[in-house]
């Protein structure tokens, strides 16, 4: 195994090129420029912007990125070697790389005999010439040159001598960095270690060795770390692991593992805390949901549910966390469910600032949570409903309203279609309010009737919007008798909160969630 005492590891991001090959991902030029700025702020050393010879969008990116005031990132253009039988000076793709005017160019070439013979349909010597002449041509024109040895690990396993010869051709041409690619993502860490060690012996001092791993076997992160242990000091990947098929090595897991687990400071010392923000912002830009369970940066990465775990965490914050989440810009969360103990609710009460909840009240709330979850409630994604349980357990809590009666009517009238009407009677203080409202459905009618009843007393309720409404059928085998779980998202100008209701009657479940959402907004959010 190679020594960990090596040149600093440099991070090479290819989200704007390799990442866009992922299904469902398409980036505009403005999107790419935003991602470039975020990566530069993080301190990433290389940002690959695209393939300037492949489409007008990438060519436009390279024109516009020249005006970005970057502090850390070196912009890189990507392309292939010259074509079979052509010279670099007459090859359109090579000329497009030069026209991009980036300080760095990355050139991909074949290192697998099968790909040379079956895909390029040329000779092994011609492929070596294409590599050698393309890289030398670009190097002679002042570019930092990175060679991506495509299918290197598969090629090595089939014909090690030829795979290494492609690296030799790149070195002879003056490549600054030679990158070993597990293009099909099928290698395992012990293969990566052994083959990387052989490649390292070939490369002279002054030539960096890199790793580019795909995740088809779920091992891109492990394979990248294995290569670094064998001497790779240039690591390629994408934000959140975006990429073709199963994606690329995820830089949002790779960077903290290198930094915090392997002791390699790959970013400026104060920038790692930007990582979670980067992951979530890029996810929003590409319009892809970030997995809650994404290591380091996911919403659930430091979330605790089991009562025993939360109890231990309250005594020692690191008892069920492998590191302080603040190091990567994330935070710990405690959620409440049927698995919760008193510690979960104590933590939640402290989080929301409830100080006068008697210890004797907590077991009752814990039992209430367990019983409600047995009935079909789920409090994991409904923190506002949990907060209302805690508020109601306080002896001095007075609800902003009390529902006395409601009725919902859904009618179909010939010539008029279907419409809904709700009638509500609520008590506020010592006064009773009646109201009725129409809606495009029963829940909308209930919402409008409740607002109509409460607005004279709570005018700021007009600033609350019903942002989302989700229905989940829990035991579908019971058909129309099934239990329905309803989640309601409500928001005002500054906050958003979620509540839950469950019942065999979908209108009752909806009312439970809706009433909780309005009560939470009035009692906990107020007129902020």
Protein backbone atom coordinates (compact mmCIF):
# COMPACT_ATOMS: atom_id res chain seq x y z
CA UNK A 1 0.00 0.00 0.00
CA UNK A 2 1.22 3.49 -0.82
CA UNK A 3 2.14 6.02 1.85
CA UNK A 4 -0.35 8.65 2.98
CA UNK A 5 2.51 11.15 3.03
CA UNK A 6 2.08 12.55 -0.46
CA UNK A 7 1.39 15.73 -2.38
CA UNK A 8 -1.82 17.53 -1.38
CA UNK A 9 -4.92 15.99 -2.90
CA UNK A 10 -6.67 18.24 -5.43
CA UNK A 11 -10.42 18.09 -6.07
CA UNK A 12 -11.68 18.08 -9.65
CA UNK A 13 -15.41 18.67 -10.09
CA UNK A 14 -17.20 17.50 -13.23
CA UNK A 15 -20.81 18.24 -12.25
CA UNK A 16 -21.28 20.60 -15.19
CA UNK A 17 -20.11 17.95 -17.67
CA UNK A 18 -20.24 14.36 -16.39
CA UNK A 19 -22.99 15.21 -13.93
CA UNK A 20 -25.30 16.42 -16.69
CA UNK A 21 -25.19 12.95 -18.24
CA UNK A 22 -27.41 11.80 -15.38
CA UNK A 23 -30.99 11.05 -16.31
CA UNK A 24 -33.30 14.02 -15.73
CA UNK A 25 -30.51 16.60 -15.39
CA UNK A 26 -30.15 19.49 -17.80
CA UNK A 27 -28.30 22.69 -16.94
CA UNK A 28 -28.55 26.08 -18.59
CA UNK A 29 -25.47 28.24 -18.96
CA UNK A 30 -26.66 30.35 -16.01
CA UNK A 31 -27.04 27.15 -13.95
CA UNK A 32 -23.48 26.14 -14.76
CA UNK A 33 -22.16 29.56 -13.82
CA UNK A 34 -23.99 29.43 -10.46
CA UNK A 35 -22.54 26.00 -9.72
CA UNK A 36 -19.08 27.21 -10.73
CA UNK A 37 -19.30 30.10 -8.26
CA UNK A 38 -20.45 27.79 -5.47
CA UNK A 39 -17.58 25.37 -6.11
CA UNK A 40 -15.09 28.21 -6.19
CA UNK A 41 -16.40 29.52 -2.86
CA UNK A 42 -15.95 26.04 -1.41
CA UNK A 43 -12.33 26.01 -2.57
CA UNK A 44 -12.46 23.31 -5.25
CA UNK A 45 -9.29 23.43 -7.36
CA UNK A 46 -10.66 22.33 -10.77
CA UNK A 47 -14.10 22.91 -12.28
CA UNK A 48 -14.77 21.14 -15.57
CA UNK A 49 -17.28 23.27 -17.44
CA UNK A 50 -18.17 21.03 -20.35
CA UNK A 51 -17.14 19.86 -23.81
CA UNK A 52 -16.74 22.97 -25.99
CA UNK A 53 -16.71 20.97 -29.21
CA UNK A 54 -20.00 19.20 -28.52
CA UNK A 55 -22.67 21.94 -28.34
CA UNK A 56 -23.22 25.72 -28.44
CA UNK A 57 -24.27 25.83 -24.77
CA UNK A 58 -20.86 24.69 -23.55
CA UNK A 59 -19.09 27.05 -25.93
CA UNK A 60 -21.17 29.91 -24.49
CA UNK A 61 -20.30 28.83 -20.95
CA UNK A 62 -16.58 29.07 -21.67
CA UNK A 63 -17.04 32.57 -23.13
CA UNK A 64 -18.98 33.79 -20.10
CA UNK A 65 -16.99 32.07 -17.37
CA UNK A 66 -13.95 34.19 -18.28
CA UNK A 67 -15.67 37.15 -16.58
CA UNK A 68 -16.22 35.35 -13.27
CA UNK A 69 -13.87 36.59 -10.51
CA UNK A 70 -12.75 33.16 -9.26
CA UNK A 71 -10.51 32.82 -6.21
CA UNK A 72 -9.68 29.09 -6.21
CA UNK A 73 -11.01 27.17 -9.20
CA UNK A 74 -9.16 26.61 -12.46
CA UNK A 75 -11.69 26.20 -15.25
CA UNK A 76 -11.19 23.11 -17.38
CA UNK A 77 -12.42 22.24 -20.85
CA UNK A 78 -13.01 18.59 -21.71
CA UNK A 79 -12.58 16.81 -25.03
CA UNK A 80 -11.25 13.70 -26.73
CA UNK A 81 -8.04 12.91 -28.53
CA UNK A 82 -7.87 13.69 -32.23
CA UNK A 83 -9.80 11.34 -34.46
CA UNK A 84 -8.43 8.23 -36.12
CA UNK A 85 -6.21 9.24 -39.02
CA UNK A 86 -6.30 12.98 -38.22
CA UNK A 87 -3.74 15.40 -36.79
CA UNK A 88 -4.43 17.67 -33.79
CA UNK A 89 -3.94 20.83 -35.83
CA UNK A 90 -6.78 19.81 -38.16
CA UNK A 91 -9.09 18.19 -35.59
CA UNK A 92 -12.24 20.16 -34.78
CA UNK A 93 -12.50 18.96 -31.17
CA UNK A 94 -8.87 19.77 -30.38
CA UNK A 95 -9.27 23.23 -31.85
CA UNK A 96 -12.44 23.76 -29.82
CA UNK A 97 -10.44 22.97 -26.67
CA UNK A 98 -8.00 25.72 -27.56
CA UNK A 99 -10.81 28.12 -28.45
CA UNK A 100 -12.29 27.69 -24.97
CA UNK A 101 -9.19 29.55 -23.69
CA UNK A 102 -9.14 27.68 -20.38
CA UNK A 103 -5.87 27.27 -18.48
CA UNK A 104 -6.52 23.52 -18.19
CA UNK A 105 -7.70 20.95 -20.72
CA UNK A 106 -8.72 17.38 -20.00
CA UNK A 107 -8.38 14.90 -22.85
CA UNK A 108 -10.01 11.49 -22.75
CA UNK A 109 -8.40 8.58 -24.57
CA UNK A 110 -8.89 4.85 -24.78
CA UNK A 111 -6.82 2.55 -22.54
CA UNK A 112 -8.71 -0.67 -23.24
CA UNK A 113 -7.77 -2.96 -26.13
CA UNK A 114 -11.43 -3.87 -26.62
CA UNK A 115 -12.44 -0.25 -27.01
CA UNK A 116 -9.61 0.53 -29.41
CA UNK A 117 -10.43 -2.43 -31.64
CA UNK A 118 -14.23 -2.55 -31.33
CA UNK A 119 -15.26 1.07 -30.71
CA UNK A 120 -12.59 3.15 -32.44
CA UNK A 121 -12.00 0.34 -34.96
CA UNK A 122 -8.35 1.20 -35.33
CA UNK A 123 -4.99 -0.26 -34.41
CA UNK A 124 -3.39 -0.22 -31.00
CA UNK A 125 -0.47 1.84 -32.31
CA UNK A 126 -2.79 4.40 -33.90
CA UNK A 127 -4.53 4.90 -30.58
CA UNK A 128 -1.17 5.53 -28.88
CA UNK A 129 -0.31 8.07 -31.60
CA UNK A 130 -3.64 9.86 -31.07
CA UNK A 131 -2.94 10.16 -27.35
CA UNK A 132 0.66 11.24 -27.75
CA UNK A 133 0.14 13.84 -30.49
CA UNK A 134 -3.05 15.33 -29.01
CA UNK A 135 -1.56 15.91 -25.58
CA UNK A 136 1.77 17.17 -26.91
CA UNK A 137 -0.02 19.64 -29.21
CA UNK A 138 -2.03 21.11 -26.33
CA UNK A 139 0.92 21.11 -23.94
CA UNK A 140 3.02 23.01 -26.45
CA UNK A 141 0.36 25.73 -26.48
CA UNK A 142 0.68 26.43 -22.77
CA UNK A 143 -2.17 24.37 -21.39
CA UNK A 144 -2.06 22.31 -18.23
CA UNK A 145 -2.97 18.90 -19.63
CA UNK A 146 -4.92 16.17 -17.82
CA UNK A 147 -5.26 12.77 -19.47
CA UNK A 148 -8.35 10.71 -18.60
CA UNK A 149 -7.46 7.08 -19.28
CA UNK A 150 -10.96 5.83 -20.10
CA UNK A 151 -11.81 2.23 -19.06
CA UNK A 152 -8.35 1.97 -17.52
CA UNK A 153 -9.16 -0.59 -14.82
CA UNK A 154 -11.18 -2.82 -17.14
CA UNK A 155 -8.48 -2.42 -19.76
CA UNK A 156 -5.76 -3.32 -17.27
CA UNK A 157 -7.59 -6.46 -16.19
CA UNK A 158 -7.88 -7.56 -19.83
CA UNK A 159 -4.41 -6.50 -21.03
CA UNK A 160 -2.28 -4.79 -18.41
CA UNK A 161 0.66 -4.17 -20.73
CA UNK A 162 -1.36 -2.14 -23.22
CA UNK A 163 -3.26 -0.19 -20.55
CA UNK A 164 0.06 0.90 -19.05
CA UNK A 165 1.40 1.81 -22.50
CA UNK A 166 -1.42 4.34 -22.89
CA UNK A 167 -0.28 5.98 -19.67
CA UNK A 168 3.28 5.97 -20.96
CA UNK A 169 2.16 7.71 -24.15
CA UNK A 170 0.47 10.42 -22.09
CA UNK A 171 3.58 10.91 -19.93
CA UNK A 172 5.83 11.08 -23.01
CA UNK A 173 3.56 13.81 -24.41
CA UNK A 174 3.96 15.94 -21.30
CA UNK A 175 0.71 15.27 -19.44
CA UNK A 176 0.65 16.98 -16.05
CA UNK A 177 -1.87 14.53 -14.58
CA UNK A 178 -2.85 11.02 -15.60
CA UNK A 179 -6.30 9.95 -14.37
CA UNK A 180 -7.24 6.29 -13.98
CA UNK A 181 -10.91 5.84 -14.87
CA UNK A 182 -13.24 3.11 -13.64
CA UNK A 183 -15.62 4.10 -16.40
CA UNK A 184 -18.09 1.23 -16.04
CA UNK A 185 -18.00 1.39 -12.24
CA UNK A 186 -17.50 -2.36 -11.87
CA UNK A 187 -14.20 -2.53 -10.01
CA UNK A 188 -13.85 -3.27 -6.30
CA UNK A 189 -11.52 -1.53 -3.82
CA UNK A 190 -8.86 -4.27 -3.67
CA UNK A 191 -8.59 -4.23 -7.48
CA UNK A 192 -8.31 -0.44 -7.43
CA UNK A 193 -5.56 -0.63 -4.81
CA UNK A 194 -3.48 -3.21 -6.65
CA UNK A 195 -3.82 -1.66 -10.12
CA UNK A 196 -3.28 1.90 -8.88
CA UNK A 197 -0.10 0.76 -7.15
CA UNK A 198 1.20 -0.68 -10.45
CA UNK A 199 0.32 2.52 -12.32
CA UNK A 200 2.05 4.66 -9.69
CA UNK A 201 5.32 2.79 -10.24
CA UNK A 202 5.22 3.78 -13.91
CA UNK A 203 4.68 7.49 -13.45
CA UNK A 204 7.74 9.70 -12.98
CA UNK A 205 8.05 12.32 -10.26
CA UNK A 206 6.20 15.49 -11.20
CA UNK A 207 3.30 13.72 -12.91
CA UNK A 208 0.19 13.56 -10.76
CA UNK A 209 -2.03 10.51 -10.65
CA UNK A 210 -5.81 10.81 -10.46
CA UNK A 211 -8.90 8.66 -9.96
CA UNK A 212 -12.27 8.92 -11.70
CA UNK A 213 -14.78 6.40 -10.34
CA UNK A 214 -18.35 5.61 -11.30
CA UNK A 215 -20.86 4.16 -8.87
CA UNK A 216 -22.40 1.22 -10.74
CA UNK A 217 -21.30 -1.18 -8.02
CA UNK A 218 -22.03 1.28 -5.21
CA UNK A 219 -18.28 1.60 -4.62
CA UNK A 220 -17.26 4.91 -6.24
CA UNK A 221 -16.48 6.51 -2.88
CA UNK A 222 -14.60 3.49 -1.53
CA UNK A 223 -12.69 3.08 -4.80
CA UNK A 224 -11.68 6.74 -4.82
CA UNK A 225 -10.39 6.56 -1.24
CA UNK A 226 -8.54 3.33 -2.06
CA UNK A 227 -6.80 5.05 -4.97
CA UNK A 228 -5.79 7.98 -2.75
CA UNK A 229 -4.24 5.52 -0.28
CA UNK A 230 -2.16 4.18 -3.16
CA UNK A 231 -0.87 7.62 -4.14
CA UNK A 232 -3.58 9.32 -6.23
CA UNK A 233 -3.50 13.04 -5.46
CA UNK A 234 -6.13 14.18 -7.95
CA UNK A 235 -9.72 13.07 -7.32
CA UNK A 236 -12.63 13.57 -9.71
CA UNK A 237 -16.31 13.51 -8.83
CA UNK A 238 -19.60 15.40 -8.90
CA UNK A 239 -21.75 17.20 -6.36
CA UNK A 240 -24.24 14.73 -4.85
CA UNK A 241 -22.83 11.98 -7.09
CA UNK A 242 -24.76 13.04 -10.20
CA UNK A 243 -23.82 11.27 -13.40
CA UNK A 244 -24.72 8.70 -15.99
CA UNK A 245 -26.36 5.42 -14.90
CA UNK A 246 -25.67 5.17 -11.14
CA UNK A 247 -23.62 8.34 -11.02
CA UNK A 248 -20.07 9.38 -10.16
CA UNK A 249 -18.13 9.55 -6.93
CA UNK A 250 -20.01 11.95 -4.63
CA UNK A 251 -17.77 14.86 -3.71
CA UNK A 252 -20.06 15.74 -0.79
CA UNK A 253 -19.04 12.46 0.85
CA UNK A 254 -15.57 12.21 -0.65
CA UNK A 255 -14.31 15.62 0.51
CA UNK A 256 -15.16 15.20 4.22
CA UNK A 257 -13.81 11.65 4.22
CA UNK A 258 -10.51 12.87 2.82
CA UNK A 259 -10.41 15.83 5.18
CA UNK A 260 -11.89 14.53 8.43
CA UNK A 261 -11.13 10.80 8.20
CA UNK A 262 -7.84 10.71 6.32
CA UNK A 263 -6.40 14.01 7.55
CA UNK A 264 -5.95 15.54 4.10
CA UNK A 265 -6.87 19.22 4.02
CA UNK A 266 -8.30 19.32 0.50
CA UNK A 267 -10.11 22.66 0.98
CA UNK A 268 -9.16 25.96 2.62
CA UNK A 269 -9.41 25.37 6.37
CA UNK A 270 -12.61 27.38 6.93
CA UNK A 271 -14.64 26.25 3.91
CA UNK A 272 -15.76 22.71 4.77
CA UNK A 273 -18.73 24.13 6.69
CA UNK A 274 -20.14 25.31 3.33
CA UNK A 275 -20.58 21.71 2.15
CA UNK A 276 -24.20 21.13 3.19
CA UNK A 277 -25.29 24.42 1.67
CA UNK A 278 -23.50 23.50 -1.57
CA UNK A 279 -25.19 20.09 -1.75
CA UNK A 280 -28.66 21.46 -1.15
CA UNK A 281 -28.27 24.48 -3.42
CA UNK A 282 -26.99 22.40 -6.33
CA UNK A 283 -29.83 19.92 -5.78
CA UNK A 284 -32.26 22.82 -6.13
CA UNK A 285 -30.50 24.06 -9.28
CA UNK A 286 -30.66 20.67 -10.99
CA UNK A 287 -34.23 20.17 -9.70
CA UNK A 288 -33.40 16.81 -8.11
CA UNK A 289 -34.39 16.00 -4.51
CA UNK A 290 -31.38 15.50 -2.27
CA UNK A 291 -31.61 12.15 -0.50
CA UNK A 292 -32.45 12.63 3.18
CA UNK A 293 -29.91 9.91 3.94
CA UNK A 294 -27.06 11.43 1.94
CA UNK A 295 -23.92 11.07 4.11
CA UNK A 296 -22.78 14.27 5.83
CA UNK A 297 -25.18 16.64 4.04
CA UNK A 298 -28.58 14.89 4.09
CA UNK A 299 -31.40 16.03 6.36
CA UNK A 300 -31.29 12.66 8.16
CA UNK A 301 -27.49 12.38 8.34
CA UNK A 302 -27.50 13.48 11.99
CA UNK A 303 -31.14 12.80 12.86
CA UNK A 304 -32.01 10.66 15.86
CA UNK A 305 -35.24 8.75 16.38
CA UNK A 306 -34.76 5.81 18.77
CA UNK A 307 -35.38 6.77 22.38
CA UNK A 308 -32.28 4.96 23.68
CA UNK A 309 -30.10 6.81 21.20
CA UNK A 310 -31.55 10.21 22.06
CA UNK A 311 -31.14 9.54 25.77
CA UNK A 312 -27.46 8.73 25.20
CA UNK A 313 -27.02 11.79 22.98
CA UNK A 314 -28.32 14.03 25.74
CA UNK A 315 -25.50 12.78 27.94
CA UNK A 316 -22.80 12.72 25.27
CA UNK A 317 -23.53 14.43 21.92
CA UNK A 318 -21.08 12.16 20.09
CA UNK A 319 -22.47 8.87 21.41
CA UNK A 320 -24.45 8.25 18.20
CA UNK A 321 -22.69 10.64 15.78
CA UNK A 322 -19.40 10.00 14.04
CA UNK A 323 -18.53 13.71 14.07
CA UNK A 324 -19.86 17.16 14.90
CA UNK A 325 -22.33 18.00 12.09
CA UNK A 326 -21.35 21.67 12.26
CA UNK A 327 -18.03 20.74 10.65
CA UNK A 328 -19.85 20.17 7.35
CA UNK A 329 -22.54 22.80 7.89
CA UNK A 330 -25.25 20.36 8.99
CA UNK A 331 -27.04 20.02 12.32
CA UNK A 332 -28.42 17.39 14.68
CA UNK A 333 -32.15 16.74 14.77
CA UNK A 334 -34.37 14.73 17.08
CA UNK A 335 -37.62 13.34 15.71
CA UNK A 336 -40.56 11.90 17.56
CA UNK A 337 -42.25 8.60 16.77
CA UNK A 338 -43.54 5.44 18.43
CA UNK A 339 -39.88 4.55 19.07
CA UNK A 340 -39.38 7.71 21.13
CA UNK A 341 -38.63 7.96 24.80
CA UNK A 342 -38.79 10.86 27.21
CA UNK A 343 -35.44 12.13 25.95
CA UNK A 344 -36.84 12.77 22.45
CA UNK A 345 -39.56 15.00 23.86
CA UNK A 346 -37.22 16.69 26.30
CA UNK A 347 -34.93 17.55 23.38
CA UNK A 348 -37.86 18.77 21.29
CA UNK A 349 -39.17 20.90 24.17
CA UNK A 350 -35.75 22.47 24.64
CA UNK A 351 -35.45 23.05 20.90
CA UNK A 352 -38.70 25.04 20.79
CA UNK A 353 -38.10 26.85 24.07
CA UNK A 354 -40.71 25.20 26.33
CA UNK A 355 -39.31 25.60 29.83
CA UNK A 356 -42.26 25.02 32.14
CA UNK A 357 -43.21 21.51 31.06
CA UNK A 358 -43.30 19.31 34.12
CA UNK A 359 -41.27 16.11 33.98
CA UNK A 360 -44.35 14.29 35.15
CA UNK A 361 -46.21 15.37 32.01
CA UNK A 362 -43.71 13.86 29.59
CA UNK A 363 -44.62 10.17 30.04
CA UNK A 364 -48.20 11.08 29.19
CA UNK A 365 -47.12 12.80 25.97
CA UNK A 366 -44.85 9.88 25.09
CA UNK A 367 -47.76 7.48 25.55
CA UNK A 368 -50.02 9.74 23.51
CA UNK A 369 -47.53 9.72 20.65
CA UNK A 370 -47.31 5.92 20.71
CA UNK A 371 -51.10 5.52 20.73
CA UNK A 372 -51.62 8.02 17.93
CA UNK A 373 -48.95 6.38 15.79
CA UNK A 374 -50.70 3.06 16.34
CA UNK A 375 -53.83 4.70 14.95
CA UNK A 376 -52.01 5.81 11.81
CA UNK A 377 -50.40 9.13 12.71
CA UNK A 378 -46.75 9.65 11.83
CA UNK A 379 -44.92 12.45 13.60
CA UNK A 380 -41.53 12.10 11.90
CA UNK A 381 -42.37 14.64 9.22
CA UNK A 382 -44.85 16.65 11.26
CA UNK A 383 -42.85 18.59 13.83
CA UNK A 384 -45.59 21.17 14.26
CA UNK A 385 -48.03 18.50 15.50
CA UNK A 386 -45.40 17.31 17.99
CA UNK A 387 -44.97 20.87 19.22
CA UNK A 388 -48.73 21.20 19.69
CA UNK A 389 -48.76 18.03 21.83
CA UNK A 390 -46.07 19.59 24.01
CA UNK A 391 -47.79 22.97 24.20
CA UNK A 392 -51.09 21.32 25.18
CA UNK A 393 -49.33 19.43 27.97
CA UNK A 394 -48.48 22.75 29.65
CA UNK A 395 -50.88 23.63 32.44
CA UNK A 396 -50.94 27.31 31.43
CA UNK A 397 -51.55 26.70 27.72
CA UNK A 398 -54.77 28.18 26.33
CA UNK A 399 -55.62 27.22 22.75
CA UNK A 400 -56.39 30.14 20.41
CA UNK A 401 -59.68 28.50 19.39
CA UNK A 402 -61.83 25.46 20.14
CA UNK A 403 -63.72 23.65 17.41
CA UNK A 404 -67.28 22.87 18.48
CA UNK A 405 -68.94 21.57 15.29
CA UNK A 406 -68.25 21.25 11.62
CA UNK A 407 -70.19 19.89 8.68
CA UNK A 408 -69.05 19.37 5.11
CA UNK A 409 -71.43 18.84 2.19
CA UNK A 410 -70.33 17.73 -1.27
CA UNK A 411 -72.99 17.94 -3.96
CA UNK A 412 -73.34 17.28 -7.63
CA UNK A 413 -75.96 19.38 -9.34
CA UNK A 414 -76.91 18.89 -12.93
CA UNK A 415 -75.55 21.67 -15.04
CA UNK A 416 -73.39 23.01 -12.19
CA UNK A 417 -71.04 20.08 -11.50
CA UNK A 418 -69.57 19.19 -8.12
CA UNK A 419 -69.08 21.74 -5.36
CA UNK A 420 -68.37 21.61 -1.62
CA UNK A 421 -69.56 23.68 1.31
CA UNK A 422 -68.34 23.64 4.92
CA UNK A 423 -70.01 25.04 8.04
CA UNK A 424 -68.01 25.55 11.22
CA UNK A 425 -68.73 26.63 14.79
CA UNK A 426 -65.71 27.59 16.94
CA UNK A 427 -65.21 29.20 20.35
CA UNK A 428 -62.60 31.91 20.80
CA UNK A 429 -62.33 32.94 24.42
CA UNK A 430 -65.92 33.28 25.56
CA UNK A 431 -67.35 34.03 22.14
CA UNK A 432 -68.78 31.58 19.59
CA UNK A 433 -68.37 32.14 15.87
CA UNK A 434 -70.35 30.49 13.06
CA UNK A 435 -69.22 30.56 9.46
CA UNK A 436 -69.75 28.82 6.15
CA UNK A 437 -67.76 28.80 2.95
CA UNK A 438 -67.71 27.14 -0.45
CA UNK A 439 -64.63 25.46 -1.88
CA UNK A 440 -63.42 23.50 -4.85
CA UNK A 441 -63.25 20.48 -2.55
CA UNK A 442 -64.14 19.59 1.05
CA UNK A 443 -60.72 20.44 2.50
CA UNK A 444 -60.59 23.78 0.70
CA UNK A 445 -64.09 24.56 1.98
CA UNK A 446 -63.06 23.67 5.56
CA UNK A 447 -59.96 25.84 5.29
CA UNK A 448 -61.94 28.82 4.01
CA UNK A 449 -64.71 28.42 6.61
CA UNK A 450 -62.20 28.22 9.48
CA UNK A 451 -60.35 31.30 8.28
CA UNK A 452 -63.64 33.18 7.90
CA UNK A 453 -64.57 32.33 11.50
CA UNK A 454 -61.20 33.30 13.00
CA UNK A 455 -60.17 36.32 10.92
CA UNK A 456 -62.13 38.87 13.01
CA UNK A 457 -60.02 37.90 16.04
CA UNK A 458 -56.77 36.92 14.28
CA UNK A 459 -56.44 39.13 11.18
CA UNK A 460 -52.84 37.99 10.57
CA UNK A 461 -54.27 34.58 9.63
CA UNK A 462 -54.66 36.09 6.15
CA UNK A 463 -50.89 35.71 5.80
CA UNK A 464 -51.03 31.92 6.25
CA UNK A 465 -51.11 29.88 3.05
CA UNK A 466 -51.95 26.21 2.64
CA UNK A 467 -48.78 25.23 0.81
CA UNK A 468 -49.20 21.47 0.38
CA UNK A 469 -51.63 18.66 1.12
CA UNK A 470 -50.62 14.99 0.99
CA UNK A 471 -52.75 11.88 1.44
CA UNK A 472 -51.39 8.43 2.26
CA UNK A 473 -53.59 5.32 2.35
CA UNK A 474 -52.16 3.08 5.09
CA UNK A 475 -53.96 -0.26 4.74
CA UNK A 476 -55.18 -0.34 1.17
CA UNK A 477 -56.30 -3.95 1.45
CA UNK A 478 -59.32 -2.65 3.40
CA UNK A 479 -60.49 -0.73 0.37
CA UNK A 480 -62.69 2.28 1.14
CA UNK A 481 -62.50 1.42 4.87
CA UNK A 482 -58.75 2.04 4.90
CA UNK A 483 -57.12 4.49 7.30
CA UNK A 484 -56.01 7.72 5.68
CA UNK A 485 -53.06 9.79 6.85
CA UNK A 486 -53.04 13.45 5.85
CA UNK A 487 -50.09 15.85 5.98
CA UNK A 488 -50.71 19.57 5.69
CA UNK A 489 -47.96 22.12 4.97
CA UNK A 490 -48.75 25.70 5.91
CA UNK A 491 -46.54 28.75 5.59
CA UNK A 492 -46.33 32.47 6.11
CA UNK A 493 -43.76 34.90 4.76
CA UNK A 494 -40.94 33.52 6.93
CA UNK A 495 -41.75 29.97 8.04
CA UNK A 496 -43.24 26.68 6.90
CA UNK A 497 -44.64 23.96 9.15
CA UNK A 498 -46.17 20.50 8.79
CA UNK A 499 -48.96 18.79 10.72
CA UNK A 500 -50.59 15.36 10.55
CA UNK A 501 -53.99 13.76 11.00
CA UNK A 502 -55.21 10.17 10.58
CA UNK A 503 -58.62 8.54 10.46
CA UNK A 504 -60.71 6.08 8.49
CA UNK A 505 -62.64 9.23 7.47
CA UNK A 506 -60.53 11.33 5.11
CA UNK A 507 -62.43 14.51 6.03
CA UNK A 508 -61.76 13.98 9.73
CA UNK A 509 -58.07 13.26 9.06
CA UNK A 510 -57.88 16.42 6.97
CA UNK A 511 -59.57 18.47 9.66
CA UNK A 512 -57.14 17.19 12.32
CA UNK A 513 -54.14 18.22 10.25
CA UNK A 514 -55.68 21.52 9.17
CA UNK A 515 -56.77 22.52 12.67
CA UNK A 516 -53.31 21.65 14.05
CA UNK A 517 -51.67 23.73 11.32
CA UNK A 518 -53.82 26.79 12.05
CA UNK A 519 -53.46 26.42 15.82
CA UNK A 520 -49.68 26.07 15.48
CA UNK A 521 -49.54 29.15 13.28
CA UNK A 522 -51.57 31.21 15.77
CA UNK A 523 -49.96 29.88 18.96
CA UNK A 524 -46.33 29.26 18.01
CA UNK A 525 -45.67 31.41 14.94
CA UNK A 526 -47.96 34.35 15.66
CA UNK A 527 -47.85 37.47 13.53
CA UNK A 528 -44.11 37.39 12.78
